[in-house]
């Protein structure tokens, strides 16, 4: 297959995960780091779907003719009313890092009024496919689980070391990449994308 896929991100971990899942569908899977000077647009949407579309449309104008895939994803913790949600990547404020976001999450959950609250949570992902400045399709995926009391494992990125998916005792930070890629929120959305591609799109 000669198609090129541009992933609308500068996050090498995310690109690697998507490449591992879709490598057989595209001759080339690249991201915004291959386009010097490209900048991520402001994610002003109120939902994952809106932010995903904003990123996909902006990137699709940079590489005419290519399929562009953008995802917006995050962690929803029930005890925090669904937070961090769309603010997952910048939960701890300006200059946020994965480590500072995880630290804030644990600090929020340690508040006395949440001491007995359930730690149920989910990762949610919405993928937008765009081409030549137009949205072609959207796909979503979720994986349910819980927040661990402390970080475990050094794999993955973001909140992976705190998230234990249902049916497992290990966090996404501990589970082998092959296992995570088979069940993650992004993998489930990408599976729908694959079905769409196999349908002849």
C-alpha atoms as a PDB file:
ATOM      1  CA  UNK A   1       0.000   0.000   0.000  1.00  0.00           C
ATOM      2  CA  UNK A   2       1.499   3.301  -1.070  1.00  0.00           C
ATOM      3  CA  UNK A   3      -0.461   5.601   1.186  1.00  0.00           C
ATOM      4  CA  UNK A   4       1.259   7.979   3.564  1.00  0.00           C
ATOM      5  CA  UNK A   5      -0.119   8.600   7.047  1.00  0.00           C
ATOM      6  CA  UNK A   6       0.785  11.794   8.872  1.00  0.00           C
ATOM      7  CA  UNK A   7       0.143  11.606  12.605  1.00  0.00           C
ATOM      8  CA  UNK A   8      -0.647  15.085  13.884  1.00  0.00           C
ATOM      9  CA  UNK A   9       1.652  15.025  16.898  1.00  0.00           C
ATOM     10  CA  UNK A  10       5.207  15.782  18.012  1.00  0.00           C
ATOM     11  CA  UNK A  11       4.949  12.966  20.598  1.00  0.00           C
ATOM     12  CA  UNK A  12       7.309  10.178  19.515  1.00  0.00           C
ATOM     13  CA  UNK A  13       5.735   7.699  21.950  1.00  0.00           C
ATOM     14  CA  UNK A  14       2.297   8.224  20.436  1.00  0.00           C
ATOM     15  CA  UNK A  15       3.630   7.977  16.878  1.00  0.00           C
ATOM     16  CA  UNK A  16       5.456   4.765  17.732  1.00  0.00           C
ATOM     17  CA  UNK A  17       2.324   3.213  19.204  1.00  0.00           C
ATOM     18  CA  UNK A  18       0.272   4.124  16.121  1.00  0.00           C
ATOM     19  CA  UNK A  19       3.014   2.960  13.742  1.00  0.00           C
ATOM     20  CA  UNK A  20       3.168  -0.413  15.511  1.00  0.00           C
ATOM     21  CA  UNK A  21      -0.557  -0.907  15.050  1.00  0.00           C
ATOM     22  CA  UNK A  22      -0.918   0.432  11.490  1.00  0.00           C
ATOM     23  CA  UNK A  23       2.438  -0.318   9.860  1.00  0.00           C
ATOM     24  CA  UNK A  24       0.906  -2.869   7.489  1.00  0.00           C
ATOM     25  CA  UNK A  25      -1.669  -0.353   6.285  1.00  0.00           C
ATOM     26  CA  UNK A  26       0.663   2.437   5.189  1.00  0.00           C
ATOM     27  CA  UNK A  27       3.956   2.588   3.348  1.00  0.00           C
ATOM     28  CA  UNK A  28       5.019   5.566   5.459  1.00  0.00           C
ATOM     29  CA  UNK A  29       3.883   6.606   8.941  1.00  0.00           C
ATOM     30  CA  UNK A  30       5.364   9.933   9.987  1.00  0.00           C
ATOM     31  CA  UNK A  31       4.506  12.834  12.267  1.00  0.00           C
ATOM     32  CA  UNK A  32       4.933  16.588  12.590  1.00  0.00           C
ATOM     33  CA  UNK A  33       8.604  16.264  13.515  1.00  0.00           C
ATOM     34  CA  UNK A  34       9.196  15.535   9.814  1.00  0.00           C
ATOM     35  CA  UNK A  35       7.810  18.969   8.904  1.00  0.00           C
ATOM     36  CA  UNK A  36      10.188  21.618  10.276  1.00  0.00           C
ATOM     37  CA  UNK A  37       8.419  24.671  11.612  1.00  0.00           C
ATOM     38  CA  UNK A  38       5.081  22.939  12.084  1.00  0.00           C
ATOM     39  CA  UNK A  39       3.322  23.992  15.250  1.00  0.00           C
ATOM     40  CA  UNK A  40       0.430  22.404  17.081  1.00  0.00           C
ATOM     41  CA  UNK A  41      -2.761  24.486  16.944  1.00  0.00           C
ATOM     42  CA  UNK A  42      -4.468  25.706  20.106  1.00  0.00           C
ATOM     43  CA  UNK A  43      -6.708  22.977  21.455  1.00  0.00           C
ATOM     44  CA  UNK A  44      -9.677  25.188  22.239  1.00  0.00           C
ATOM     45  CA  UNK A  45     -12.340  22.482  21.979  1.00  0.00           C
ATOM     46  CA  UNK A  46     -14.514  21.415  24.887  1.00  0.00           C
ATOM     47  CA  UNK A  47     -14.451  17.727  23.930  1.00  0.00           C
ATOM     48  CA  UNK A  48     -11.952  15.146  22.710  1.00  0.00           C
ATOM     49  CA  UNK A  49     -13.763  15.073  19.350  1.00  0.00           C
ATOM     50  CA  UNK A  50     -13.466  18.823  18.869  1.00  0.00           C
ATOM     51  CA  UNK A  51      -9.771  18.946  19.775  1.00  0.00           C
ATOM     52  CA  UNK A  52      -8.996  15.931  17.608  1.00  0.00           C
ATOM     53  CA  UNK A  53     -10.630  17.608  14.610  1.00  0.00           C
ATOM     54  CA  UNK A  54      -8.787  20.880  15.226  1.00  0.00           C
ATOM     55  CA  UNK A  55      -5.438  19.077  15.148  1.00  0.00           C
ATOM     56  CA  UNK A  56      -6.280  16.904  12.137  1.00  0.00           C
ATOM     57  CA  UNK A  57      -7.501  19.788   9.997  1.00  0.00           C
ATOM     58  CA  UNK A  58      -4.492  21.950  10.785  1.00  0.00           C
ATOM     59  CA  UNK A  59      -2.044  19.162   9.927  1.00  0.00           C
ATOM     60  CA  UNK A  60      -3.880  18.109   6.775  1.00  0.00           C
ATOM     61  CA  UNK A  61      -3.102  21.463   5.200  1.00  0.00           C
ATOM     62  CA  UNK A  62       0.627  20.794   5.618  1.00  0.00           C
ATOM     63  CA  UNK A  63       0.834  17.608   3.546  1.00  0.00           C
ATOM     64  CA  UNK A  64      -1.650  17.651   0.640  1.00  0.00           C
ATOM     65  CA  UNK A  65      -2.934  14.278  -0.480  1.00  0.00           C
ATOM     66  CA  UNK A  66      -1.888  12.405   2.649  1.00  0.00           C
ATOM     67  CA  UNK A  67      -4.167  10.854   5.197  1.00  0.00           C
ATOM     68  CA  UNK A  68      -3.797  12.733   8.486  1.00  0.00           C
ATOM     69  CA  UNK A  69      -4.628  11.090  11.779  1.00  0.00           C
ATOM     70  CA  UNK A  70      -5.039  13.133  14.947  1.00  0.00           C
ATOM     71  CA  UNK A  71      -6.082  11.856  18.308  1.00  0.00           C
ATOM     72  CA  UNK A  72      -7.195  13.619  21.405  1.00  0.00           C
ATOM     73  CA  UNK A  73      -7.221  11.402  24.411  1.00  0.00           C
ATOM     74  CA  UNK A  74      -7.075  11.573  28.136  1.00  0.00           C
ATOM     75  CA  UNK A  75      -7.878  10.121  31.501  1.00  0.00           C
ATOM     76  CA  UNK A  76     -11.280  10.449  33.146  1.00  0.00           C
ATOM     77  CA  UNK A  77     -11.377   9.756  36.893  1.00  0.00           C
ATOM     78  CA  UNK A  78     -14.862   9.316  38.317  1.00  0.00           C
ATOM     79  CA  UNK A  79     -13.979  10.610  41.797  1.00  0.00           C
ATOM     80  CA  UNK A  80     -12.817  13.858  40.173  1.00  0.00           C
ATOM     81  CA  UNK A  81     -15.949  14.321  38.097  1.00  0.00           C
ATOM     82  CA  UNK A  82     -14.232  13.146  34.923  1.00  0.00           C
ATOM     83  CA  UNK A  83     -11.081  15.232  35.364  1.00  0.00           C
ATOM     84  CA  UNK A  84      -8.460  15.628  34.054  1.00  0.00           C
ATOM     85  CA  UNK A  85     -10.368  14.837  30.838  1.00  0.00           C
ATOM     86  CA  UNK A  86      -9.527  17.100  27.902  1.00  0.00           C
ATOM     87  CA  UNK A  87      -6.954  18.827  30.110  1.00  0.00           C
ATOM     88  CA  UNK A  88      -4.996  15.606  30.734  1.00  0.00           C
ATOM     89  CA  UNK A  89      -1.778  16.730  29.039  1.00  0.00           C
ATOM     90  CA  UNK A  90      -1.734  20.083  30.844  1.00  0.00           C
ATOM     91  CA  UNK A  91      -3.431  19.097  34.094  1.00  0.00           C
ATOM     92  CA  UNK A  92      -0.705  20.551  36.322  1.00  0.00           C
ATOM     93  CA  UNK A  93      -0.659  23.900  34.534  1.00  0.00           C
ATOM     94  CA  UNK A  94       1.746  25.752  32.282  1.00  0.00           C
ATOM     95  CA  UNK A  95       4.911  23.784  31.641  1.00  0.00           C
ATOM     96  CA  UNK A  96       3.202  20.550  32.688  1.00  0.00           C
ATOM     97  CA  UNK A  97       5.131  17.298  32.338  1.00  0.00           C
ATOM     98  CA  UNK A  98       3.931  13.709  32.564  1.00  0.00           C
ATOM     99  CA  UNK A  99       5.497  13.482  36.019  1.00  0.00           C
ATOM    100  CA  UNK A 100       3.909  16.704  37.315  1.00  0.00           C
ATOM    101  CA  UNK A 101       0.510  15.654  35.956  1.00  0.00           C
ATOM    102  CA  UNK A 102       0.711  12.305  37.724  1.00  0.00           C
ATOM    103  CA  UNK A 103       1.798  14.005  40.949  1.00  0.00           C
ATOM    104  CA  UNK A 104      -1.164  16.376  40.823  1.00  0.00           C
ATOM    105  CA  UNK A 105      -3.566  13.532  40.155  1.00  0.00           C
ATOM    106  CA  UNK A 106      -2.333  11.597  43.192  1.00  0.00           C
ATOM    107  CA  UNK A 107      -2.462  14.746  45.300  1.00  0.00           C
ATOM    108  CA  UNK A 108      -6.060  15.425  44.266  1.00  0.00           C
ATOM    109  CA  UNK A 109      -7.106  11.866  45.064  1.00  0.00           C
ATOM    110  CA  UNK A 110      -5.424  12.024  48.480  1.00  0.00           C
ATOM    111  CA  UNK A 111      -7.771  14.764  49.700  1.00  0.00           C
ATOM    112  CA  UNK A 112      -9.617  13.614  52.809  1.00  0.00           C
ATOM    113  CA  UNK A 113     -13.073  14.005  51.269  1.00  0.00           C
ATOM    114  CA  UNK A 114     -12.085  11.509  48.574  1.00  0.00           C
ATOM    115  CA  UNK A 115     -10.553   8.970  50.948  1.00  0.00           C
ATOM    116  CA  UNK A 116     -13.364   6.447  50.414  1.00  0.00           C
ATOM    117  CA  UNK A 117     -14.163   7.359  46.826  1.00  0.00           C
ATOM    118  CA  UNK A 118     -13.930   4.631  44.175  1.00  0.00           C
ATOM    119  CA  UNK A 119     -10.872   4.933  41.972  1.00  0.00           C
ATOM    120  CA  UNK A 120     -12.625   3.858  38.793  1.00  0.00           C
ATOM    121  CA  UNK A 121     -11.330   5.593  35.694  1.00  0.00           C
ATOM    122  CA  UNK A 122     -11.010   5.231  31.957  1.00  0.00           C
ATOM    123  CA  UNK A 123      -8.813   6.309  29.132  1.00  0.00           C
ATOM    124  CA  UNK A 124     -10.802   7.782  26.257  1.00  0.00           C
ATOM    125  CA  UNK A 125      -9.590   8.481  22.727  1.00  0.00           C
ATOM    126  CA  UNK A 126     -11.172  10.128  19.702  1.00  0.00           C
ATOM    127  CA  UNK A 127      -9.385   9.850  16.358  1.00  0.00           C
ATOM    128  CA  UNK A 128     -10.060  12.196  13.461  1.00  0.00           C
ATOM    129  CA  UNK A 129      -9.020  11.341   9.925  1.00  0.00           C
ATOM    130  CA  UNK A 130      -8.568  14.313   7.593  1.00  0.00           C
ATOM    131  CA  UNK A 131      -7.354  14.830   4.060  1.00  0.00           C
ATOM    132  CA  UNK A 132      -6.758  18.029   2.111  1.00  0.00           C
ATOM    133  CA  UNK A 133      -8.324  20.247   4.762  1.00  0.00           C
ATOM    134  CA  UNK A 134     -11.495  18.245   5.344  1.00  0.00           C
ATOM    135  CA  UNK A 135     -12.621  15.774   8.009  1.00  0.00           C
ATOM    136  CA  UNK A 136     -13.094  12.312   6.518  1.00  0.00           C
ATOM    137  CA  UNK A 137     -14.086  10.254   9.563  1.00  0.00           C
ATOM    138  CA  UNK A 138     -13.933   9.992  13.359  1.00  0.00           C
ATOM    139  CA  UNK A 139     -13.497   6.950  15.597  1.00  0.00           C
ATOM    140  CA  UNK A 140     -13.523   6.528  19.364  1.00  0.00           C
ATOM    141  CA  UNK A 141     -12.258   4.027  21.896  1.00  0.00           C
ATOM    142  CA  UNK A 142     -12.235   3.603  25.670  1.00  0.00           C
ATOM    143  CA  UNK A 143     -10.643   1.254  28.182  1.00  0.00           C
ATOM    144  CA  UNK A 144     -11.986   0.984  31.722  1.00  0.00           C
ATOM    145  CA  UNK A 145      -9.842   0.516  34.796  1.00  0.00           C
ATOM    146  CA  UNK A 146      -8.778   2.094  38.073  1.00  0.00           C
ATOM    147  CA  UNK A 147      -6.128   4.423  39.454  1.00  0.00           C
ATOM    148  CA  UNK A 148      -3.375   2.742  41.475  1.00  0.00           C
ATOM    149  CA  UNK A 149      -2.278   4.131  44.840  1.00  0.00           C
ATOM    150  CA  UNK A 150       1.209   4.753  43.490  1.00  0.00           C
ATOM    151  CA  UNK A 151       3.140   4.579  40.236  1.00  0.00           C
ATOM    152  CA  UNK A 152       4.266   1.178  39.007  1.00  0.00           C
ATOM    153  CA  UNK A 153       6.339   0.419  35.936  1.00  0.00           C
ATOM    154  CA  UNK A 154       8.422   2.623  33.683  1.00  0.00           C
ATOM    155  CA  UNK A 155       6.847   1.796  30.334  1.00  0.00           C
ATOM    156  CA  UNK A 156       4.411   3.893  28.350  1.00  0.00           C
ATOM    157  CA  UNK A 157       3.883   7.599  28.929  1.00  0.00           C
ATOM    158  CA  UNK A 158       1.386  10.035  30.398  1.00  0.00           C
ATOM    159  CA  UNK A 159      -0.649   8.401  33.163  1.00  0.00           C
ATOM    160  CA  UNK A 160       0.214   4.819  32.142  1.00  0.00           C
ATOM    161  CA  UNK A 161       2.085   4.004  35.350  1.00  0.00           C
ATOM    162  CA  UNK A 162      -1.020   4.866  37.404  1.00  0.00           C
ATOM    163  CA  UNK A 163      -3.704   3.163  35.309  1.00  0.00           C
ATOM    164  CA  UNK A 164      -4.603  -0.474  35.905  1.00  0.00           C
ATOM    165  CA  UNK A 165      -6.970  -1.767  33.194  1.00  0.00           C
ATOM    166  CA  UNK A 166      -9.872  -4.012  34.123  1.00  0.00           C
ATOM    167  CA  UNK A 167      -8.897  -7.674  34.209  1.00  0.00           C
ATOM    168  CA  UNK A 168      -5.272  -6.937  35.116  1.00  0.00           C
ATOM    169  CA  UNK A 169      -3.263  -6.305  38.270  1.00  0.00           C
ATOM    170  CA  UNK A 170      -0.420  -4.543  36.431  1.00  0.00           C
ATOM    171  CA  UNK A 171      -0.503  -0.962  35.199  1.00  0.00           C
ATOM    172  CA  UNK A 172      -0.098   0.129  31.596  1.00  0.00           C
ATOM    173  CA  UNK A 173       3.405   1.116  32.688  1.00  0.00           C
ATOM    174  CA  UNK A 174       4.163  -2.534  33.529  1.00  0.00           C
ATOM    175  CA  UNK A 175       2.290  -4.437  30.844  1.00  0.00           C
ATOM    176  CA  UNK A 176       4.239  -5.409  27.708  1.00  0.00           C
ATOM    177  CA  UNK A 177       3.749  -3.037  24.800  1.00  0.00           C
ATOM    178  CA  UNK A 178       2.130  -5.819  22.778  1.00  0.00           C
ATOM    179  CA  UNK A 179      -0.524  -6.319  25.460  1.00  0.00           C
ATOM    180  CA  UNK A 180      -1.191  -2.604  25.859  1.00  0.00           C
ATOM    181  CA  UNK A 181      -1.385  -2.081  22.093  1.00  0.00           C
ATOM    182  CA  UNK A 182      -4.015  -4.794  21.855  1.00  0.00           C
ATOM    183  CA  UNK A 183      -6.379  -3.265  24.404  1.00  0.00           C
ATOM    184  CA  UNK A 184      -5.707   0.451  24.909  1.00  0.00           C
ATOM    185  CA  UNK A 185      -8.241   3.174  24.170  1.00  0.00           C
ATOM    186  CA  UNK A 186      -6.104   4.250  21.211  1.00  0.00           C
ATOM    187  CA  UNK A 187      -5.828   0.661  19.967  1.00  0.00           C
ATOM    188  CA  UNK A 188      -9.600   0.275  20.074  1.00  0.00           C
ATOM    189  CA  UNK A 189     -10.136   3.477  18.110  1.00  0.00           C
ATOM    190  CA  UNK A 190      -7.405   2.455  15.664  1.00  0.00           C
ATOM    191  CA  UNK A 191      -9.104  -0.920  15.182  1.00  0.00           C
ATOM    192  CA  UNK A 192     -12.189   0.938  13.958  1.00  0.00           C
ATOM    193  CA  UNK A 193      -9.943   2.974  11.655  1.00  0.00           C
ATOM    194  CA  UNK A 194      -8.446  -0.248  10.265  1.00  0.00           C
ATOM    195  CA  UNK A 195     -11.932  -1.616   9.578  1.00  0.00           C
ATOM    196  CA  UNK A 196     -12.765   1.592   7.745  1.00  0.00           C
ATOM    197  CA  UNK A 197      -9.585   1.330   5.661  1.00  0.00           C
ATOM    198  CA  UNK A 198     -10.294  -2.320   4.879  1.00  0.00           C
ATOM    199  CA  UNK A 199     -13.688  -1.230   3.627  1.00  0.00           C
ATOM    200  CA  UNK A 200     -11.958   0.464   0.736  1.00  0.00           C
ATOM    201  CA  UNK A 201     -11.646   4.053   1.929  1.00  0.00           C
END
